[in-house]
C-alpha cells in the first residue's frame, strides 16, 4: 500500500530538487528503485503545493532500515512517525517543506 503526502514549500525549485536527491539517496540506502513519484505543482497564497507518493515497498524498507529512529518519534500510528521522519530527513538535506498525509 502506498502513502501520499501533500508537500508545501515556499521555494519549489530548490526544494523539489533537494527532495529528489534525498529520495534517490534513501533508495540507495535501502536498496529500492522507482519507489516514489511527484505530481504537478500548483501555487496558492505564496506557497507551492504538490503531492509525493511513496510505494509501500519503499516505505517498508525505510521503516525497517531506520526502526531505531522510528521508535524515538512520538505519534499514535506508524504513518505519523513516517511523516515526522521524512520531514526531519528532508530538513537534514537542506529542504524545508511541510508534509501532510493525504487520505484517499
PDB file of N, CA and C in Angstrom:
ATOM      1  N   UNK A   1       0.850  -1.174   0.000  1.00  0.00           N
ATOM      2  CA  UNK A   1       0.000   0.000   0.000  1.00  0.00           C
ATOM      3  C   UNK A   1       0.897   1.239   0.000  1.00  0.00           C
ATOM      4  N   UNK A   2       0.574   2.186  -0.810  1.00  0.00           N
ATOM      5  CA  UNK A   2       1.392   3.394  -0.883  1.00  0.00           C
ATOM      6  C   UNK A   2       0.844   4.474   0.040  1.00  0.00           C
ATOM      7  N   UNK A   3       1.691   5.441   0.316  1.00  0.00           N
ATOM      8  CA  UNK A   3       1.305   6.586   1.133  1.00  0.00           C
ATOM      9  C   UNK A   3       1.533   7.833   0.286  1.00  0.00           C
ATOM     10  N   UNK A   4       0.598   8.775   0.379  1.00  0.00           N
ATOM     11  CA  UNK A   4       0.700  10.009  -0.394  1.00  0.00           C
ATOM     12  C   UNK A   4       0.733  11.195   0.554  1.00  0.00           C
ATOM     13  N   UNK A   5       1.639  12.112   0.272  1.00  0.00           N
ATOM     14  CA  UNK A   5       1.781  13.334   1.063  1.00  0.00           C
ATOM     15  C   UNK A   5       1.459  14.542   0.204  1.00  0.00           C
ATOM     16  N   UNK A   6       0.859  15.548   0.832  1.00  0.00           N
ATOM     17  CA  UNK A   6       0.795  16.863   0.209  1.00  0.00           C
ATOM     18  C   UNK A   6       2.009  17.614   0.733  1.00  0.00           C
ATOM     19  N   UNK A   7       2.826  18.078  -0.178  1.00  0.00           N
ATOM     20  CA  UNK A   7       4.054  18.787   0.176  1.00  0.00           C
ATOM     21  C   UNK A   7       3.816  20.272  -0.057  1.00  0.00           C
ATOM     22  N   UNK A   8       4.188  21.095   0.916  1.00  0.00           N
ATOM     23  CA  UNK A   8       4.085  22.544   0.744  1.00  0.00           C
ATOM     24  C   UNK A   8       5.450  23.172   0.960  1.00  0.00           C
ATOM     25  N   UNK A   9       5.760  24.125   0.090  1.00  0.00           N
ATOM     26  CA  UNK A   9       7.064  24.779   0.124  1.00  0.00           C
ATOM     27  C   UNK A   9       6.947  26.218  -0.363  1.00  0.00           C
ATOM     28  N   UNK A  10       7.857  27.042   0.075  1.00  0.00           N
ATOM     29  CA  UNK A  10       7.933  28.417  -0.422  1.00  0.00           C
ATOM     30  C   UNK A  10       9.048  28.563  -1.458  1.00  0.00           C
ATOM     31  N   UNK A  11       9.838  27.518  -1.644  1.00  0.00           N
ATOM     32  CA  UNK A  11      10.956  27.558  -2.584  1.00  0.00           C
ATOM     33  C   UNK A  11      10.914  26.282  -3.428  1.00  0.00           C
ATOM     34  N   UNK A  12       9.938  26.206  -4.316  1.00  0.00           N
ATOM     35  CA  UNK A  12       9.641  24.978  -5.042  1.00  0.00           C
ATOM     36  C   UNK A  12      10.839  24.426  -5.815  1.00  0.00           C
ATOM     37  N   UNK A  13      11.476  25.239  -6.606  1.00  0.00           N
ATOM     38  CA  UNK A  13      12.548  24.751  -7.477  1.00  0.00           C
ATOM     39  C   UNK A  13      13.671  24.095  -6.683  1.00  0.00           C
ATOM     40  N   UNK A  14      14.165  24.788  -5.670  1.00  0.00           N
ATOM     41  CA  UNK A  14      15.270  24.248  -4.874  1.00  0.00           C
ATOM     42  C   UNK A  14      14.834  23.064  -4.022  1.00  0.00           C
ATOM     43  N   UNK A  15      13.655  23.176  -3.397  1.00  0.00           N
ATOM     44  CA  UNK A  15      13.203  22.104  -2.512  1.00  0.00           C
ATOM     45  C   UNK A  15      12.864  20.830  -3.274  1.00  0.00           C
ATOM     46  N   UNK A  16      12.261  20.949  -4.449  1.00  0.00           N
ATOM     47  CA  UNK A  16      11.940  19.741  -5.209  1.00  0.00           C
ATOM     48  C   UNK A  16      13.220  19.028  -5.647  1.00  0.00           C
ATOM     49  N   UNK A  17      14.209  19.793  -6.084  1.00  0.00           N
ATOM     50  CA  UNK A  17      15.491  19.185  -6.459  1.00  0.00           C
ATOM     51  C   UNK A  17      16.128  18.505  -5.248  1.00  0.00           C
ATOM     52  N   UNK A  18      16.118  19.188  -4.100  1.00  0.00           N
ATOM     53  CA  UNK A  18      16.691  18.602  -2.880  1.00  0.00           C
ATOM     54  C   UNK A  18      15.933  17.341  -2.475  1.00  0.00           C
ATOM     55  N   UNK A  19      14.601  17.345  -2.648  1.00  0.00           N
ATOM     56  CA  UNK A  19      13.812  16.154  -2.313  1.00  0.00           C
ATOM     57  C   UNK A  19      14.153  14.989  -3.239  1.00  0.00           C
ATOM     58  N   UNK A  20      14.302  15.273  -4.525  1.00  0.00           N
ATOM     59  CA  UNK A  20      14.651  14.206  -5.475  1.00  0.00           C
ATOM     60  C   UNK A  20      16.003  13.590  -5.125  1.00  0.00           C
ATOM     61  N   UNK A  21      16.971  14.437  -4.809  1.00  0.00           N
ATOM     62  CA  UNK A  21      18.295  13.941  -4.435  1.00  0.00           C
ATOM     63  C   UNK A  21      18.209  13.131  -3.148  1.00  0.00           C
ATOM     64  N   UNK A  22      17.480  13.651  -2.156  1.00  0.00           N
ATOM     65  CA  UNK A  22      17.341  12.954  -0.872  1.00  0.00           C
ATOM     66  C   UNK A  22      16.644  11.608  -1.046  1.00  0.00           C
ATOM     67  N   UNK A  23      15.601  11.563  -1.861  1.00  0.00           N
ATOM     68  CA  UNK A  23      14.882  10.304  -2.063  1.00  0.00           C
ATOM     69  C   UNK A  23      15.734   9.306  -2.847  1.00  0.00           C
ATOM     70  N   UNK A  24      16.522   9.782  -3.791  1.00  0.00           N
ATOM     71  CA  UNK A  24      17.426   8.884  -4.522  1.00  0.00           C
ATOM     72  C   UNK A  24      18.463   8.291  -3.576  1.00  0.00           C
ATOM     73  N   UNK A  25      18.999   9.128  -2.679  1.00  0.00           N
ATOM     74  CA  UNK A  25      19.949   8.630  -1.684  1.00  0.00           C
ATOM     75  C   UNK A  25      19.280   7.623  -0.755  1.00  0.00           C
ATOM     76  N   UNK A  26      18.042   7.900  -0.364  1.00  0.00           N
ATOM     77  CA  UNK A  26      17.317   6.980   0.514  1.00  0.00           C
ATOM     78  C   UNK A  26      17.095   5.646  -0.188  1.00  0.00           C
ATOM     79  N   UNK A  27      16.700   5.693  -1.455  1.00  0.00           N
ATOM     80  CA  UNK A  27      16.507   4.447  -2.198  1.00  0.00           C
ATOM     81  C   UNK A  27      17.805   3.645  -2.253  1.00  0.00           C
ATOM     82  N   UNK A  28      18.914   4.310  -2.449  1.00  0.00           N
ATOM     83  CA  UNK A  28      20.206   3.632  -2.474  1.00  0.00           C
ATOM     84  C   UNK A  28      20.502   2.983  -1.126  1.00  0.00           C
ATOM     85  N   UNK A  29      20.224   3.703  -0.039  1.00  0.00           N
ATOM     86  CA  UNK A  29      20.472   3.165   1.310  1.00  0.00           C
ATOM     87  C   UNK A  29      19.672   1.902   1.600  1.00  0.00           C
ATOM     88  N   UNK A  30      18.421   1.870   1.119  1.00  0.00           N
ATOM     89  CA  UNK A  30      17.542   0.744   1.459  1.00  0.00           C
ATOM     90  C   UNK A  30      17.415  -0.268   0.324  1.00  0.00           C
ATOM     91  N   UNK A  31      18.104  -0.022  -0.783  1.00  0.00           N
ATOM     92  CA  UNK A  31      18.075  -0.967  -1.893  1.00  0.00           C
ATOM     93  C   UNK A  31      16.801  -0.913  -2.711  1.00  0.00           C
ATOM     94  N   UNK A  32      16.180   0.248  -2.790  1.00  0.00           N
ATOM     95  CA  UNK A  32      14.953   0.400  -3.568  1.00  0.00           C
ATOM     96  C   UNK A  32      15.213   1.106  -4.885  1.00  0.00           C
ATOM     97  N   UNK A  33      14.178   1.121  -5.725  1.00  0.00           N
ATOM     98  CA  UNK A  33      14.263   1.835  -7.001  1.00  0.00           C
ATOM     99  C   UNK A  33      12.856   2.188  -7.462  1.00  0.00           C
ATOM    100  N   UNK A  34      12.718   3.361  -8.031  1.00  0.00           N
ATOM    101  CA  UNK A  34      11.430   3.825  -8.561  1.00  0.00           C
ATOM    102  C   UNK A  34      10.303   3.714  -7.541  1.00  0.00           C
ATOM    103  N   UNK A  35      10.594   4.086  -6.305  1.00  0.00           N
ATOM    104  CA  UNK A  35       9.627   3.917  -5.226  1.00  0.00           C
ATOM    105  C   UNK A  35       8.844   5.158  -4.869  1.00  0.00           C
ATOM    106  N   UNK A  36       9.004   6.230  -5.635  1.00  0.00           N
ATOM    107  CA  UNK A  36       8.283   7.460  -5.323  1.00  0.00           C
ATOM    108  C   UNK A  36       7.965   8.217  -6.610  1.00  0.00           C
ATOM    109  N   UNK A  37       6.989   9.124  -6.514  1.00  0.00           N
ATOM    110  CA  UNK A  37       6.614   9.956  -7.663  1.00  0.00           C
ATOM    111  C   UNK A  37       6.072  11.288  -7.167  1.00  0.00           C
ATOM    112  N   UNK A  38       6.262  12.326  -7.978  1.00  0.00           N
ATOM    113  CA  UNK A  38       5.762  13.662  -7.671  1.00  0.00           C
ATOM    114  C   UNK A  38       4.655  14.028  -8.654  1.00  0.00           C
ATOM    115  N   UNK A  39       3.667  14.785  -8.182  1.00  0.00           N
ATOM    116  CA  UNK A  39       2.619  15.295  -9.065  1.00  0.00           C
ATOM    117  C   UNK A  39       3.017  16.678  -9.576  1.00  0.00           C
ATOM    118  N   UNK A  40       2.185  17.230 -10.427  1.00  0.00           N
ATOM    119  CA  UNK A  40       2.402  18.591 -10.911  1.00  0.00           C
ATOM    120  C   UNK A  40       2.108  19.575  -9.779  1.00  0.00           C
ATOM    121  N   UNK A  41       2.872  20.657  -9.679  1.00  0.00           N
ATOM    122  CA  UNK A  41       2.667  21.632  -8.603  1.00  0.00           C
ATOM    123  C   UNK A  41       1.562  22.630  -8.930  1.00  0.00           C
ATOM    124  N   UNK A  42       1.049  23.251  -7.870  1.00  0.00           N
ATOM    125  CA  UNK A  42       0.145  24.392  -8.036  1.00  0.00           C
ATOM    126  C   UNK A  42       0.454  25.402  -6.938  1.00  0.00           C
ATOM    127  N   UNK A  43       0.214  26.671  -7.230  1.00  0.00           N
ATOM    128  CA  UNK A  43       0.530  27.760  -6.302  1.00  0.00           C
ATOM    129  C   UNK A  43      -0.731  28.286  -5.638  1.00  0.00           C
ATOM    130  N   UNK A  44      -0.561  28.679  -4.361  1.00  0.00           N
ATOM    131  CA  UNK A  44      -1.673  29.247  -3.607  1.00  0.00           C
ATOM    132  C   UNK A  44      -1.106  30.002  -2.412  1.00  0.00           C
ATOM    133  N   UNK A  45      -1.487  31.256  -2.256  1.00  0.00           N
ATOM    134  CA  UNK A  45      -1.105  32.076  -1.102  1.00  0.00           C
ATOM    135  C   UNK A  45       0.409  32.159  -0.887  1.00  0.00           C
ATOM    136  N   UNK A  46       1.178  32.189  -1.955  1.00  0.00           N
ATOM    137  CA  UNK A  46       2.626  32.301  -1.832  1.00  0.00           C
ATOM    138  C   UNK A  46       3.343  30.984  -1.579  1.00  0.00           C
ATOM    139  N   UNK A  47       2.593  29.900  -1.502  1.00  0.00           N
ATOM    140  CA  UNK A  47       3.167  28.570  -1.307  1.00  0.00           C
ATOM    141  C   UNK A  47       2.974  27.765  -2.583  1.00  0.00           C
ATOM    142  N   UNK A  48       3.822  26.790  -2.788  1.00  0.00           N
ATOM    143  CA  UNK A  48       3.644  25.834  -3.872  1.00  0.00           C
ATOM    144  C   UNK A  48       3.332  24.485  -3.242  1.00  0.00           C
ATOM    145  N   UNK A  49       2.323  23.817  -3.785  1.00  0.00           N
ATOM    146  CA  UNK A  49       1.877  22.524  -3.280  1.00  0.00           C
ATOM    147  C   UNK A  49       2.020  21.478  -4.379  1.00  0.00           C
ATOM    148  N   UNK A  50       2.366  20.280  -3.988  1.00  0.00           N
ATOM    149  CA  UNK A  50       2.367  19.142  -4.898  1.00  0.00           C
ATOM    150  C   UNK A  50       2.272  17.879  -4.058  1.00  0.00           C
ATOM    151  N   UNK A  51       1.984  16.781  -4.710  1.00  0.00           N
ATOM    152  CA  UNK A  51       1.864  15.515  -3.992  1.00  0.00           C
ATOM    153  C   UNK A  51       3.090  14.649  -4.265  1.00  0.00           C
ATOM    154  N   UNK A  52       3.452  13.886  -3.254  1.00  0.00           N
ATOM    155  CA  UNK A  52       4.529  12.921  -3.380  1.00  0.00           C
ATOM    156  C   UNK A  52       3.974  11.580  -2.910  1.00  0.00           C
ATOM    157  N   UNK A  53       3.995  10.596  -3.780  1.00  0.00           N
ATOM    158  CA  UNK A  53       3.538   9.252  -3.434  1.00  0.00           C
ATOM    159  C   UNK A  53       4.753   8.354  -3.228  1.00  0.00           C
ATOM    160  N   UNK A  54       4.701   7.566  -2.166  1.00  0.00           N
ATOM    161  CA  UNK A  54       5.773   6.612  -1.872  1.00  0.00           C
ATOM    162  C   UNK A  54       5.161   5.220  -1.868  1.00  0.00           C
ATOM    163  N   UNK A  55       5.722   4.343  -2.673  1.00  0.00           N
ATOM    164  CA  UNK A  55       5.213   2.975  -2.755  1.00  0.00           C
ATOM    165  C   UNK A  55       5.440   2.243  -1.440  1.00  0.00           C
ATOM    166  N   UNK A  56       4.560   1.304  -1.169  1.00  0.00           N
ATOM    167  CA  UNK A  56       4.599   0.559   0.082  1.00  0.00           C
ATOM    168  C   UNK A  56       5.900  -0.174   0.325  1.00  0.00           C
ATOM    169  N   UNK A  57       6.498  -0.738  -0.734  1.00  0.00           N
ATOM    170  CA  UNK A  57       7.745  -1.479  -0.526  1.00  0.00           C
ATOM    171  C   UNK A  57       8.888  -0.557  -0.116  1.00  0.00           C
ATOM    172  N   UNK A  58       8.923   0.663  -0.651  1.00  0.00           N
ATOM    173  CA  UNK A  58       9.949   1.619  -0.234  1.00  0.00           C
ATOM    174  C   UNK A  58       9.693   2.074   1.198  1.00  0.00           C
ATOM    175  N   UNK A  59       8.440   2.345   1.522  1.00  0.00           N
ATOM    176  CA  UNK A  59       8.102   2.745   2.889  1.00  0.00           C
ATOM    177  C   UNK A  59       8.508   1.654   3.880  1.00  0.00           C
ATOM    178  N   UNK A  60       8.188   0.407   3.565  1.00  0.00           N
ATOM    179  CA  UNK A  60       8.550  -0.709   4.451  1.00  0.00           C
ATOM    180  C   UNK A  60      10.063  -0.817   4.620  1.00  0.00           C
ATOM    181  N   UNK A  61      10.794  -0.660   3.524  1.00  0.00           N
ATOM    182  CA  UNK A  61      12.261  -0.757   3.586  1.00  0.00           C
ATOM    183  C   UNK A  61      12.847   0.359   4.447  1.00  0.00           C
ATOM    184  N   UNK A  62      12.302   1.571   4.319  1.00  0.00           N
ATOM    185  CA  UNK A  62      12.773   2.700   5.133  1.00  0.00           C
ATOM    186  C   UNK A  62      12.475   2.438   6.601  1.00  0.00           C
ATOM    187  N   UNK A  63      11.264   1.972   6.898  1.00  0.00           N
ATOM    188  CA  UNK A  63      10.885   1.707   8.290  1.00  0.00           C
ATOM    189  C   UNK A  63      11.758   0.615   8.909  1.00  0.00           C
ATOM    190  N   UNK A  64      12.109  -0.401   8.132  1.00  0.00           N
ATOM    191  CA  UNK A  64      12.985  -1.466   8.647  1.00  0.00           C
ATOM    192  C   UNK A  64      14.401  -0.947   8.883  1.00  0.00           C
ATOM    193  N   UNK A  65      14.926  -0.213   7.915  1.00  0.00           N
ATOM    194  CA  UNK A  65      16.306   0.282   7.999  1.00  0.00           C
ATOM    195  C   UNK A  65      16.494   1.248   9.168  1.00  0.00           C
ATOM    196  N   UNK A  66      15.491   2.060   9.435  1.00  0.00           N
ATOM    197  CA  UNK A  66      15.597   3.094  10.465  1.00  0.00           C
ATOM    198  C   UNK A  66      14.656   2.837  11.636  1.00  0.00           C
ATOM    199  N   UNK A  67      14.417   1.574  11.955  1.00  0.00           N
ATOM    200  CA  UNK A  67      13.483   1.202  13.024  1.00  0.00           C
ATOM    201  C   UNK A  67      13.854   1.836  14.360  1.00  0.00           C
ATOM    202  N   UNK A  68      15.149   1.914  14.654  1.00  0.00           N
ATOM    203  CA  UNK A  68      15.574   2.512  15.922  1.00  0.00           C
ATOM    204  C   UNK A  68      15.213   3.991  15.991  1.00  0.00           C
ATOM    205  N   UNK A  69      15.294   4.684  14.871  1.00  0.00           N
ATOM    206  CA  UNK A  69      14.924   6.105  14.845  1.00  0.00           C
ATOM    207  C   UNK A  69      13.408   6.277  14.934  1.00  0.00           C
ATOM    208  N   UNK A  70      12.662   5.413  14.266  1.00  0.00           N
ATOM    209  CA  UNK A  70      11.203   5.494  14.307  1.00  0.00           C
ATOM    210  C   UNK A  70      10.688   5.303  15.727  1.00  0.00           C
ATOM    211  N   UNK A  71      11.360   4.468  16.490  1.00  0.00           N
ATOM    212  CA  UNK A  71      10.933   4.205  17.868  1.00  0.00           C
ATOM    213  C   UNK A  71      10.998   5.458  18.732  1.00  0.00           C
ATOM    214  N   UNK A  72      11.840   6.410  18.367  1.00  0.00           N
ATOM    215  CA  UNK A  72      12.008   7.631  19.163  1.00  0.00           C
ATOM    216  C   UNK A  72      10.976   8.704  18.836  1.00  0.00           C
ATOM    217  N   UNK A  73      10.273   8.567  17.718  1.00  0.00           N
ATOM    218  CA  UNK A  73       9.285   9.572  17.335  1.00  0.00           C
ATOM    219  C   UNK A  73       7.982   9.358  18.086  1.00  0.00           C
ATOM    220  N   UNK A  74       7.398  10.479  18.475  1.00  0.00           N
ATOM    221  CA  UNK A  74       6.075  10.412  19.086  1.00  0.00           C
ATOM    222  C   UNK A  74       5.057  10.318  17.964  1.00  0.00           C
ATOM    223  N   UNK A  75       3.967   9.701  18.269  1.00  0.00           N
ATOM    224  CA  UNK A  75       2.908   9.580  17.272  1.00  0.00           C
ATOM    225  C   UNK A  75       2.031   8.407  17.618  1.00  0.00           C
ATOM    226  N   UNK A  76       0.793   8.512  17.206  1.00  0.00           N
ATOM    227  CA  UNK A  76      -0.161   7.460  17.533  1.00  0.00           C
ATOM    228  C   UNK A  76      -0.119   6.303  16.555  1.00  0.00           C
ATOM    229  N   UNK A  77       0.395   6.538  15.364  1.00  0.00           N
ATOM    230  CA  UNK A  77       0.426   5.447  14.394  1.00  0.00           C
ATOM    231  C   UNK A  77       1.696   5.535  13.545  1.00  0.00           C
ATOM    232  N   UNK A  78       2.013   4.466  12.851  1.00  0.00           N
ATOM    233  CA  UNK A  78       3.244   4.427  12.051  1.00  0.00           C
ATOM    234  C   UNK A  78       3.297   5.497  10.953  1.00  0.00           C
ATOM    235  N   UNK A  79       2.146   5.851  10.368  1.00  0.00           N
ATOM    236  CA  UNK A  79       2.150   6.866   9.314  1.00  0.00           C
ATOM    237  C   UNK A  79       2.571   8.232   9.848  1.00  0.00           C
ATOM    238  N   UNK A  80       2.152   8.572  11.068  1.00  0.00           N
ATOM    239  CA  UNK A  80       2.571   9.838  11.682  1.00  0.00           C
ATOM    240  C   UNK A  80       4.082   9.832  11.928  1.00  0.00           C
ATOM    241  N   UNK A  81       4.595   8.719  12.405  1.00  0.00           N
ATOM    242  CA  UNK A  81       6.032   8.610  12.647  1.00  0.00           C
ATOM    243  C   UNK A  81       6.806   8.702  11.328  1.00  0.00           C
ATOM    244  N   UNK A  82       6.270   8.078  10.281  1.00  0.00           N
ATOM    245  CA  UNK A  82       6.910   8.124   8.968  1.00  0.00           C
ATOM    246  C   UNK A  82       6.938   9.562   8.444  1.00  0.00           C
ATOM    247  N   UNK A  83       5.840  10.287   8.635  1.00  0.00           N
ATOM    248  CA  UNK A  83       5.766  11.686   8.216  1.00  0.00           C
ATOM    249  C   UNK A  83       6.809  12.525   8.944  1.00  0.00           C
ATOM    250  N   UNK A  84       6.894  12.365  10.254  1.00  0.00           N
ATOM    251  CA  UNK A  84       7.874  13.120  11.045  1.00  0.00           C
ATOM    252  C   UNK A  84       9.303  12.766  10.635  1.00  0.00           C
ATOM    253  N   UNK A  85       9.548  11.480  10.397  1.00  0.00           N
ATOM    254  CA  UNK A  85      10.875  11.044   9.972  1.00  0.00           C
ATOM    255  C   UNK A  85      11.257  11.698   8.641  1.00  0.00           C
ATOM    256  N   UNK A  86      10.351  11.651   7.661  1.00  0.00           N
ATOM    257  CA  UNK A  86      10.661  12.236   6.355  1.00  0.00           C
ATOM    258  C   UNK A  86      10.860  13.745   6.441  1.00  0.00           C
ATOM    259  N   UNK A  87      10.043  14.416   7.245  1.00  0.00           N
ATOM    260  CA  UNK A  87      10.203  15.861   7.415  1.00  0.00           C
ATOM    261  C   UNK A  87      11.591  16.177   7.960  1.00  0.00           C
ATOM    262  N   UNK A  88      12.015  15.434   8.975  1.00  0.00           N
ATOM    263  CA  UNK A  88      13.354  15.631   9.544  1.00  0.00           C
ATOM    264  C   UNK A  88      14.449  15.256   8.544  1.00  0.00           C
ATOM    265  N   UNK A  89      14.236  14.175   7.805  1.00  0.00           N
ATOM    266  CA  UNK A  89      15.214  13.735   6.809  1.00  0.00           C
ATOM    267  C   UNK A  89      15.404  14.804   5.734  1.00  0.00           C
ATOM    268  N   UNK A  90      14.291  15.319   5.209  1.00  0.00           N
ATOM    269  CA  UNK A  90      14.393  16.373   4.200  1.00  0.00           C
ATOM    270  C   UNK A  90      15.063  17.613   4.779  1.00  0.00           C
ATOM    271  N   UNK A  91      14.721  17.967   6.008  1.00  0.00           N
ATOM    272  CA  UNK A  91      15.340  19.121   6.663  1.00  0.00           C
ATOM    273  C   UNK A  91      16.844  18.965   6.786  1.00  0.00           C
ATOM    274  N   UNK A  92      17.292  17.745   7.074  1.00  0.00           N
ATOM    275  CA  UNK A  92      18.733  17.498   7.202  1.00  0.00           C
ATOM    276  C   UNK A  92      19.453  17.624   5.862  1.00  0.00           C
ATOM    277  N   UNK A  93      18.695  17.561   4.785  1.00  0.00           N
ATOM    278  CA  UNK A  93      19.258  17.696   3.438  1.00  0.00           C
ATOM    279  C   UNK A  93      19.078  19.115   2.894  1.00  0.00           C
ATOM    280  N   UNK A  94      18.660  20.041   3.776  1.00  0.00           N
ATOM    281  CA  UNK A  94      18.506  21.431   3.372  1.00  0.00           C
ATOM    282  C   UNK A  94      17.200  21.750   2.683  1.00  0.00           C
ATOM    283  N   UNK A  95      16.241  20.877   2.833  1.00  0.00           N
ATOM    284  CA  UNK A  95      14.955  21.028   2.165  1.00  0.00           C
ATOM    285  C   UNK A  95      13.891  21.336   3.217  1.00  0.00           C
ATOM    286  N   UNK A  96      13.395  22.563   3.227  1.00  0.00           N
ATOM    287  CA  UNK A  96      12.426  22.971   4.232  1.00  0.00           C
ATOM    288  C   UNK A  96      11.022  22.872   3.637  1.00  0.00           C
ATOM    289  N   UNK A  97      10.343  21.783   3.959  1.00  0.00           N
ATOM    290  CA  UNK A  97       8.991  21.542   3.456  1.00  0.00           C
ATOM    291  C   UNK A  97       8.095  21.103   4.602  1.00  0.00           C
ATOM    292  N   UNK A  98       6.804  21.206   4.353  1.00  0.00           N
ATOM    293  CA  UNK A  98       5.813  20.666   5.277  1.00  0.00           C
ATOM    294  C   UNK A  98       5.147  19.496   4.575  1.00  0.00           C
ATOM    295  N   UNK A  99       4.944  18.416   5.319  1.00  0.00           N
ATOM    296  CA  UNK A  99       4.300  17.228   4.768  1.00  0.00           C
ATOM    297  C   UNK A  99       2.997  16.968   5.500  1.00  0.00           C
ATOM    298  N   UNK A 100       1.987  16.598   4.732  1.00  0.00           N
ATOM    299  CA  UNK A 100       0.695  16.245   5.309  1.00  0.00           C
ATOM    300  C   UNK A 100       0.205  15.001   4.586  1.00  0.00           C
ATOM    301  N   UNK A 101      -0.219  14.004   5.339  1.00  0.00           N
ATOM    302  CA  UNK A 101      -0.718  12.776   4.724  1.00  0.00           C
ATOM    303  C   UNK A 101      -2.035  13.069   4.023  1.00  0.00           C
ATOM    304  N   UNK A 102      -2.162  12.588   2.793  1.00  0.00           N
ATOM    305  CA  UNK A 102      -3.398  12.722   2.032  1.00  0.00           C
ATOM    306  C   UNK A 102      -4.176  11.428   2.204  1.00  0.00           C
ATOM    307  N   UNK A 103      -5.371  11.551   2.729  1.00  0.00           N
ATOM    308  CA  UNK A 103      -6.227  10.381   2.912  1.00  0.00           C
ATOM    309  C   UNK A 103      -7.107  10.259   1.679  1.00  0.00           C
ATOM    310  N   UNK A 104      -7.030   9.090   1.056  1.00  0.00           N
ATOM    311  CA  UNK A 104      -7.846   8.914  -0.156  1.00  0.00           C
ATOM    312  C   UNK A 104      -8.807   7.766  -0.023  1.00  0.00           C
TER     313      UNK A 104
END
